[in-house]
Amino acid sequence: FLTRIGFGSKAVVTGDVSQIDLPPTQLSGLIDAERVLKRVTGIAFNRLTSADVVRHPLVARIVDAYEARTAGAADTPRNRRKSA
């Protein structure tokens, strides 16, 4: 849908890269979109952390635990760009 945005329009894409459940060999469209579009003028990305969790305090601790576990997994096949 990103190629269908009209004049005067705004689009918001939401997602959580910690909740991608694709097979490790399959590229995440969310991650790929950020890599492709991060330098495009007029596009911004906002990353939220456990400090932004407005649910039960336990949820913030759960988010922290998953972030700690995946901090070293940034170079997994799912996070890599597909070869041309």
PDB file of N, CA and C in Angstrom:
ATOM      1  N   PHE A   1       0.800  -1.190   0.000  1.00  0.00           N
ATOM      2  CA  PHE A   1       0.000   0.000   0.000  1.00  0.00           C
ATOM      3  C   PHE A   1       0.850   1.264   0.000  1.00  0.00           C
ATOM      4  N   LEU A   2       2.126   1.161   0.322  1.00  0.00           N
ATOM      5  CA  LEU A   2       2.972   2.351   0.394  1.00  0.00           C
ATOM      6  C   LEU A   2       3.072   3.077  -0.941  1.00  0.00           C
ATOM      7  N   THR A   3       2.921   2.354  -2.022  1.00  0.00           N
ATOM      8  CA  THR A   3       2.997   2.996  -3.338  1.00  0.00           C
ATOM      9  C   THR A   3       1.668   3.599  -3.751  1.00  0.00           C
ATOM     10  N   ARG A   4       0.662   3.548  -2.905  1.00  0.00           N
ATOM     11  CA  ARG A   4      -0.677   4.069  -3.218  1.00  0.00           C
ATOM     12  C   ARG A   4      -1.046   5.288  -2.379  1.00  0.00           C
ATOM     13  N   ILE A   5      -0.100   5.858  -1.649  1.00  0.00           N
ATOM     14  CA  ILE A   5      -0.386   7.013  -0.801  1.00  0.00           C
ATOM     15  C   ILE A   5      -0.665   8.226  -1.685  1.00  0.00           C
ATOM     16  N   GLY A   6      -1.794   8.887  -1.450  1.00  0.00           N
ATOM     17  CA  GLY A   6      -2.193  10.042  -2.253  1.00  0.00           C
ATOM     18  C   GLY A   6      -1.685  11.355  -1.672  1.00  0.00           C
ATOM     19  N   PHE A   7      -1.822  12.448  -2.453  1.00  0.00           N
ATOM     20  CA  PHE A   7      -1.426  13.776  -2.005  1.00  0.00           C
ATOM     21  C   PHE A   7      -2.177  14.150  -0.731  1.00  0.00           C
ATOM     22  N   GLY A   8      -1.469  14.727   0.222  1.00  0.00           N
ATOM     23  CA  GLY A   8      -2.083  15.141   1.475  1.00  0.00           C
ATOM     24  C   GLY A   8      -2.374  13.994   2.430  1.00  0.00           C
ATOM     25  N   SER A   9      -1.982  12.809   2.057  1.00  0.00           N
ATOM     26  CA  SER A   9      -2.253  11.631   2.890  1.00  0.00           C
ATOM     27  C   SER A   9      -1.126  11.386   3.880  1.00  0.00           C
ATOM     28  N   LYS A  10      -1.449  10.657   4.901  1.00  0.00           N
ATOM     29  CA  LYS A  10      -0.461  10.159   5.852  1.00  0.00           C
ATOM     30  C   LYS A  10      -0.713   8.673   6.012  1.00  0.00           C
ATOM     31  N   ALA A  11       0.345   7.934   6.180  1.00  0.00           N
ATOM     32  CA  ALA A  11       0.216   6.497   6.402  1.00  0.00           C
ATOM     33  C   ALA A  11       1.057   6.126   7.615  1.00  0.00           C
ATOM     34  N   VAL A  12       0.540   5.225   8.394  1.00  0.00           N
ATOM     35  CA  VAL A  12       1.262   4.727   9.555  1.00  0.00           C
ATOM     36  C   VAL A  12       1.329   3.213   9.441  1.00  0.00           C
ATOM     37  N   VAL A  13       2.538   2.696   9.503  1.00  0.00           N
ATOM     38  CA  VAL A  13       2.742   1.253   9.484  1.00  0.00           C
ATOM     39  C   VAL A  13       3.210   0.875  10.883  1.00  0.00           C
ATOM     40  N   THR A  14       2.551  -0.081  11.484  1.00  0.00           N
ATOM     41  CA  THR A  14       2.966  -0.521  12.812  1.00  0.00           C
ATOM     42  C   THR A  14       3.432  -1.966  12.747  1.00  0.00           C
ATOM     43  N   GLY A  15       4.346  -2.283  13.590  1.00  0.00           N
ATOM     44  CA  GLY A  15       4.833  -3.650  13.653  1.00  0.00           C
ATOM     45  C   GLY A  15       5.817  -3.785  14.791  1.00  0.00           C
ATOM     46  N   ASP A  16       6.132  -4.998  15.118  1.00  0.00           N
ATOM     47  CA  ASP A  16       7.057  -5.279  16.203  1.00  0.00           C
ATOM     48  C   ASP A  16       8.037  -6.332  15.714  1.00  0.00           C
ATOM     49  N   VAL A  17       9.270  -5.909  15.468  1.00  0.00           N
ATOM     50  CA  VAL A  17      10.255  -6.849  14.930  1.00  0.00           C
ATOM     51  C   VAL A  17      10.572  -7.973  15.907  1.00  0.00           C
ATOM     52  N   SER A  18      10.219  -7.792  17.175  1.00  0.00           N
ATOM     53  CA  SER A  18      10.445  -8.883  18.131  1.00  0.00           C
ATOM     54  C   SER A  18       9.340  -9.928  18.056  1.00  0.00           C
ATOM     55  N   GLN A  19       8.317  -9.665  17.268  1.00  0.00           N
ATOM     56  CA  GLN A  19       7.207 -10.611  17.155  1.00  0.00           C
ATOM     57  C   GLN A  19       7.055 -11.156  15.739  1.00  0.00           C
ATOM     58  N   ILE A  20       8.132 -11.179  14.993  1.00  0.00           N
ATOM     59  CA  ILE A  20       8.110 -11.757  13.654  1.00  0.00           C
ATOM     60  C   ILE A  20       8.193 -13.270  13.803  1.00  0.00           C
ATOM     61  N   ASP A  21       7.230 -13.965  13.220  1.00  0.00           N
ATOM     62  CA  ASP A  21       7.231 -15.422  13.361  1.00  0.00           C
ATOM     63  C   ASP A  21       7.393 -16.127  12.020  1.00  0.00           C
ATOM     64  N   LEU A  22       8.121 -15.492  11.117  1.00  0.00           N
ATOM     65  CA  LEU A  22       8.415 -16.107   9.825  1.00  0.00           C
ATOM     66  C   LEU A  22       9.519 -17.147   9.998  1.00  0.00           C
ATOM     67  N   PRO A  23       9.616 -18.086   9.073  1.00  0.00           N
ATOM     68  CA  PRO A  23      10.754 -19.007   9.117  1.00  0.00           C
ATOM     69  C   PRO A  23      12.056 -18.205   9.022  1.00  0.00           C
ATOM     70  N   PRO A  24      13.121 -18.653   9.666  1.00  0.00           N
ATOM     71  CA  PRO A  24      14.382 -17.904   9.674  1.00  0.00           C
ATOM     72  C   PRO A  24      14.923 -17.557   8.287  1.00  0.00           C
ATOM     73  N   THR A  25      14.570 -18.328   7.286  1.00  0.00           N
ATOM     74  CA  THR A  25      15.078 -18.064   5.938  1.00  0.00           C
ATOM     75  C   THR A  25      14.228 -17.061   5.164  1.00  0.00           C
ATOM     76  N   GLN A  26      13.091 -16.665   5.707  1.00  0.00           N
ATOM     77  CA  GLN A  26      12.192 -15.756   4.994  1.00  0.00           C
ATOM     78  C   GLN A  26      12.409 -14.318   5.461  1.00  0.00           C
ATOM     79  N   LEU A  27      12.560 -13.424   4.493  1.00  0.00           N
ATOM     80  CA  LEU A  27      12.794 -12.014   4.768  1.00  0.00           C
ATOM     81  C   LEU A  27      11.558 -11.356   5.374  1.00  0.00           C
ATOM     82  N   SER A  28      11.759 -10.559   6.392  1.00  0.00           N
ATOM     83  CA  SER A  28      10.669  -9.792   7.000  1.00  0.00           C
ATOM     84  C   SER A  28      10.418  -8.536   6.178  1.00  0.00           C
ATOM     85  N   GLY A  29       9.198  -8.345   5.726  1.00  0.00           N
ATOM     86  CA  GLY A  29       8.842  -7.142   4.978  1.00  0.00           C
ATOM     87  C   GLY A  29       8.991  -5.892   5.817  1.00  0.00           C
ATOM     88  N   LEU A  30       8.726  -5.992   7.109  1.00  0.00           N
ATOM     89  CA  LEU A  30       8.857  -4.850   8.005  1.00  0.00           C
ATOM     90  C   LEU A  30      10.317  -4.409   8.107  1.00  0.00           C
ATOM     91  N   ILE A  31      11.199  -5.348   8.312  1.00  0.00           N
ATOM     92  CA  ILE A  31      12.627  -5.034   8.409  1.00  0.00           C
ATOM     93  C   ILE A  31      13.149  -4.534   7.071  1.00  0.00           C
ATOM     94  N   ASP A  32      12.745  -5.166   5.992  1.00  0.00           N
ATOM     95  CA  ASP A  32      13.192  -4.748   4.669  1.00  0.00           C
ATOM     96  C   ASP A  32      12.702  -3.338   4.337  1.00  0.00           C
ATOM     97  N   ALA A  33      11.459  -3.028   4.668  1.00  0.00           N
ATOM     98  CA  ALA A  33      10.923  -1.691   4.393  1.00  0.00           C
ATOM     99  C   ALA A  33      11.735  -0.626   5.120  1.00  0.00           C
ATOM    100  N   GLU A  34      12.103  -0.889   6.347  1.00  0.00           N
ATOM    101  CA  GLU A  34      12.905   0.096   7.073  1.00  0.00           C
ATOM    102  C   GLU A  34      14.273   0.268   6.426  1.00  0.00           C
ATOM    103  N   ARG A  35      14.893  -0.817   6.041  1.00  0.00           N
ATOM    104  CA  ARG A  35      16.212  -0.724   5.403  1.00  0.00           C
ATOM    105  C   ARG A  35      16.150   0.057   4.096  1.00  0.00           C
ATOM    106  N   VAL A  36      15.115  -0.163   3.323  1.00  0.00           N
ATOM    107  CA  VAL A  36      14.982   0.497   2.021  1.00  0.00           C
ATOM    108  C   VAL A  36      14.592   1.966   2.182  1.00  0.00           C
ATOM    109  N   LEU A  37      13.737   2.262   3.151  1.00  0.00           N
ATOM    110  CA  LEU A  37      13.117   3.587   3.235  1.00  0.00           C
ATOM    111  C   LEU A  37      13.710   4.523   4.283  1.00  0.00           C
ATOM    112  N   LYS A  38      14.653   4.064   5.091  1.00  0.00           N
ATOM    113  CA  LYS A  38      15.119   4.881   6.213  1.00  0.00           C
ATOM    114  C   LYS A  38      15.778   6.191   5.797  1.00  0.00           C
ATOM    115  N   ARG A  39      16.262   6.302   4.583  1.00  0.00           N
ATOM    116  CA  ARG A  39      16.900   7.541   4.127  1.00  0.00           C
ATOM    117  C   ARG A  39      16.014   8.359   3.190  1.00  0.00           C
ATOM    118  N   VAL A  40      14.765   7.959   3.040  1.00  0.00           N
ATOM    119  CA  VAL A  40      13.840   8.675   2.163  1.00  0.00           C
ATOM    120  C   VAL A  40      13.261   9.862   2.932  1.00  0.00           C
ATOM    121  N   THR A  41      13.423  11.061   2.358  1.00  0.00           N
ATOM    122  CA  THR A  41      12.883  12.269   2.975  1.00  0.00           C
ATOM    123  C   THR A  41      11.371  12.152   3.115  1.00  0.00           C
ATOM    124  N   GLY A  42      10.863  12.505   4.286  1.00  0.00           N
ATOM    125  CA  GLY A  42       9.429  12.454   4.535  1.00  0.00           C
ATOM    126  C   GLY A  42       8.969  11.182   5.212  1.00  0.00           C
ATOM    127  N   ILE A  43       9.894  10.250   5.424  1.00  0.00           N
ATOM    128  CA  ILE A  43       9.561   8.997   6.106  1.00  0.00           C
ATOM    129  C   ILE A  43      10.334   8.950   7.418  1.00  0.00           C
ATOM    130  N   ALA A  44       9.657   8.577   8.476  1.00  0.00           N
ATOM    131  CA  ALA A  44      10.295   8.489   9.792  1.00  0.00           C
ATOM    132  C   ALA A  44       9.956   7.149  10.432  1.00  0.00           C
ATOM    133  N   PHE A  45      10.863   6.679  11.239  1.00  0.00           N
ATOM    134  CA  PHE A  45      10.669   5.448  11.994  1.00  0.00           C
ATOM    135  C   PHE A  45      10.801   5.773  13.475  1.00  0.00           C
ATOM    136  N   ASN A  46       9.893   5.289  14.257  1.00  0.00           N
ATOM    137  CA  ASN A  46       9.926   5.476  15.705  1.00  0.00           C
ATOM    138  C   ASN A  46      10.015   4.110  16.360  1.00  0.00           C
ATOM    139  N   ARG A  47      10.976   3.965  17.241  1.00  0.00           N
ATOM    140  CA  ARG A  47      11.140   2.702  17.961  1.00  0.00           C
ATOM    141  C   ARG A  47      10.728   2.904  19.409  1.00  0.00           C
ATOM    142  N   LEU A  48       9.889   2.036  19.872  1.00  0.00           N
ATOM    143  CA  LEU A  48       9.447   2.084  21.257  1.00  0.00           C
ATOM    144  C   LEU A  48      10.227   1.058  22.070  1.00  0.00           C
ATOM    145  N   THR A  49      10.335   1.298  23.349  1.00  0.00           N
ATOM    146  CA  THR A  49      11.042   0.380  24.244  1.00  0.00           C
ATOM    147  C   THR A  49      10.106  -0.027  25.380  1.00  0.00           C
ATOM    148  N   SER A  50      10.641  -0.788  26.298  1.00  0.00           N
ATOM    149  CA  SER A  50       9.825  -1.207  27.437  1.00  0.00           C
ATOM    150  C   SER A  50       9.359  -0.007  28.258  1.00  0.00           C
ATOM    151  N   ALA A  51      10.068   1.112  28.184  1.00  0.00           N
ATOM    152  CA  ALA A  51       9.648   2.324  28.903  1.00  0.00           C
ATOM    153  C   ALA A  51       8.331   2.870  28.359  1.00  0.00           C
ATOM    154  N   ASP A  52       7.987   2.488  27.131  1.00  0.00           N
ATOM    155  CA  ASP A  52       6.749   2.952  26.508  1.00  0.00           C
ATOM    156  C   ASP A  52       5.556   2.049  26.805  1.00  0.00           C
ATOM    157  N   VAL A  53       5.792   0.933  27.470  1.00  0.00           N
ATOM    158  CA  VAL A  53       4.709  -0.001  27.772  1.00  0.00           C
ATOM    159  C   VAL A  53       3.792   0.633  28.815  1.00  0.00           C
ATOM    160  N   VAL A  54       2.514   0.697  28.491  1.00  0.00           N
ATOM    161  CA  VAL A  54       1.552   1.301  29.417  1.00  0.00           C
ATOM    162  C   VAL A  54       0.593   0.247  29.978  1.00  0.00           C
ATOM    163  N   ARG A  55       1.037  -0.974  29.986  1.00  0.00           N
ATOM    164  CA  ARG A  55       0.252  -2.056  30.562  1.00  0.00           C
ATOM    165  C   ARG A  55       0.789  -2.359  31.957  1.00  0.00           C
ATOM    166  N   HIS A  56       0.524  -3.528  32.415  1.00  0.00           N
ATOM    167  CA  HIS A  56       1.007  -3.990  33.713  1.00  0.00           C
ATOM    168  C   HIS A  56       2.540  -3.927  33.733  1.00  0.00           C
ATOM    169  N   PRO A  57       3.155  -3.538  34.855  1.00  0.00           N
ATOM    170  CA  PRO A  57       4.620  -3.477  34.939  1.00  0.00           C
ATOM    171  C   PRO A  57       5.304  -4.789  34.545  1.00  0.00           C
ATOM    172  N   LEU A  58       4.625  -5.904  34.749  1.00  0.00           N
ATOM    173  CA  LEU A  58       5.191  -7.190  34.358  1.00  0.00           C
ATOM    174  C   LEU A  58       5.412  -7.247  32.848  1.00  0.00           C
ATOM    175  N   VAL A  59       4.547  -6.613  32.079  1.00  0.00           N
ATOM    176  CA  VAL A  59       4.701  -6.605  30.617  1.00  0.00           C
ATOM    177  C   VAL A  59       6.003  -5.911  30.239  1.00  0.00           C
ATOM    178  N   ALA A  60       6.341  -4.815  30.892  1.00  0.00           N
ATOM    179  CA  ALA A  60       7.602  -4.127  30.613  1.00  0.00           C
ATOM    180  C   ALA A  60       8.786  -5.047  30.895  1.00  0.00           C
ATOM    181  N   ARG A  61       8.713  -5.816  31.959  1.00  0.00           N
ATOM    182  CA  ARG A  61       9.803  -6.743  32.278  1.00  0.00           C
ATOM    183  C   ARG A  61       9.882  -7.871  31.255  1.00  0.00           C
ATOM    184  N   ILE A  62       8.741  -8.313  30.762  1.00  0.00           N
ATOM    185  CA  ILE A  62       8.721  -9.340  29.710  1.00  0.00           C
ATOM    186  C   ILE A  62       9.374  -8.794  28.449  1.00  0.00           C
ATOM    187  N   VAL A  63       9.011  -7.569  28.064  1.00  0.00           N
ATOM    188  CA  VAL A  63       9.612  -6.936  26.883  1.00  0.00           C
ATOM    189  C   VAL A  63      11.119  -6.822  27.076  1.00  0.00           C
ATOM    190  N   ASP A  64      11.567  -6.388  28.254  1.00  0.00           N
ATOM    191  CA  ASP A  64      13.003  -6.297  28.544  1.00  0.00           C
ATOM    192  C   ASP A  64      13.692  -7.642  28.369  1.00  0.00           C
ATOM    193  N   ALA A  65      13.070  -8.702  28.855  1.00  0.00           N
ATOM    194  CA  ALA A  65      13.665 -10.035  28.759  1.00  0.00           C
ATOM    195  C   ALA A  65      13.830 -10.458  27.307  1.00  0.00           C
ATOM    196  N   TYR A  66      12.812 -10.222  26.485  1.00  0.00           N
ATOM    197  CA  TYR A  66      12.915 -10.580  25.073  1.00  0.00           C
ATOM    198  C   TYR A  66      13.933  -9.707  24.346  1.00  0.00           C
ATOM    199  N   GLU A  67      13.993  -8.424  24.680  1.00  0.00           N
ATOM    200  CA  GLU A  67      14.986  -7.551  24.055  1.00  0.00           C
ATOM    201  C   GLU A  67      16.395  -7.999  24.402  1.00  0.00           C
ATOM    202  N   ALA A  68      16.617  -8.405  25.641  1.00  0.00           N
ATOM    203  CA  ALA A  68      17.934  -8.880  26.061  1.00  0.00           C
ATOM    204  C   ALA A  68      18.312 -10.154  25.323  1.00  0.00           C
ATOM    205  N   ARG A  69      17.339 -11.038  25.144  1.00  0.00           N
ATOM    206  CA  ARG A  69      17.615 -12.301  24.455  1.00  0.00           C
ATOM    207  C   ARG A  69      17.944 -12.075  22.993  1.00  0.00           C
ATOM    208  N   THR A  70      17.250 -11.156  22.348  1.00  0.00           N
ATOM    209  CA  THR A  70      17.425 -10.958  20.907  1.00  0.00           C
ATOM    210  C   THR A  70      18.483  -9.917  20.569  1.00  0.00           C
ATOM    211  N   ALA A  71      19.048  -9.248  21.560  1.00  0.00           N
ATOM    212  CA  ALA A  71      20.048  -8.214  21.290  1.00  0.00           C
ATOM    213  C   ALA A  71      21.224  -8.768  20.493  1.00  0.00           C
ATOM    214  N   GLY A  72      21.610  -9.993  20.745  1.00  0.00           N
ATOM    215  CA  GLY A  72      22.720 -10.599  20.030  1.00  0.00           C
ATOM    216  C   GLY A  72      22.309 -11.312  18.762  1.00  0.00           C
ATOM    217  N   ALA A  73      21.039 -11.290  18.424  1.00  0.00           N
ATOM    218  CA  ALA A  73      20.543 -12.027  17.261  1.00  0.00           C
ATOM    219  C   ALA A  73      20.264 -11.117  16.075  1.00  0.00           C
ATOM    220  N   ALA A  74      20.896  -9.948  16.017  1.00  0.00           N
ATOM    221  CA  ALA A  74      20.613  -8.984  14.946  1.00  0.00           C
ATOM    222  C   ALA A  74      21.050  -9.492  13.582  1.00  0.00           C
ATOM    223  N   ASP A  75      21.949 -10.458  13.539  1.00  0.00           N
ATOM    224  CA  ASP A  75      22.447 -10.938  12.251  1.00  0.00           C
ATOM    225  C   ASP A  75      21.897 -12.318  11.921  1.00  0.00           C
ATOM    226  N   THR A  76      20.639 -12.546  12.228  1.00  0.00           N
ATOM    227  CA  THR A  76      20.015 -13.813  11.871  1.00  0.00           C
ATOM    228  C   THR A  76      19.561 -13.753  10.424  1.00  0.00           C
ATOM    229  N   PRO A  77      19.352 -14.892   9.769  1.00  0.00           N
ATOM    230  CA  PRO A  77      18.926 -14.879   8.363  1.00  0.00           C
ATOM    231  C   PRO A  77      17.670 -14.047   8.124  1.00  0.00           C
ATOM    232  N   ARG A  78      16.730 -14.022   9.039  1.00  0.00           N
ATOM    233  CA  ARG A  78      15.490 -13.273   8.828  1.00  0.00           C
ATOM    234  C   ARG A  78      15.777 -11.775   8.784  1.00  0.00           C
ATOM    235  N   ASN A  79      16.854 -11.318   9.429  1.00  0.00           N
ATOM    236  CA  ASN A  79      17.163  -9.898   9.473  1.00  0.00           C
ATOM    237  C   ASN A  79      18.118  -9.468   8.370  1.00  0.00           C
ATOM    238  N   ARG A  80      18.594 -10.421   7.605  1.00  0.00           N
ATOM    239  CA  ARG A  80      19.489 -10.096   6.501  1.00  0.00           C
ATOM    240  C   ARG A  80      18.689  -9.783   5.259  1.00  0.00           C
ATOM    241  N   ARG A  81      19.306  -9.050   4.374  1.00  0.00           N
ATOM    242  CA  ARG A  81      18.692  -8.698   3.101  1.00  0.00           C
ATOM    243  C   ARG A  81      18.788  -9.895   2.164  1.00  0.00           C
ATOM    244  N   LYS A  82      17.765 -10.102   1.363  1.00  0.00           N
ATOM    245  CA  LYS A  82      17.813 -11.184   0.379  1.00  0.00           C
ATOM    246  C   LYS A  82      18.893 -10.883  -0.648  1.00  0.00           C
ATOM    247  N   SER A  83      19.570 -11.908  -1.111  1.00  0.00           N
ATOM    248  CA  SER A  83      20.568 -11.724  -2.160  1.00  0.00           C
ATOM    249  C   SER A  83      19.876 -11.423  -3.470  1.00  0.00           C
ATOM    250  N   ALA A  84      20.523 -10.579  -4.263  1.00  0.00           N
ATOM    251  CA  ALA A  84      19.939 -10.206  -5.562  1.00  0.00           C
ATOM    252  C   ALA A  84      20.134 -11.304  -6.573  1.00  0.00           C
TER     253      ALA A  84
END
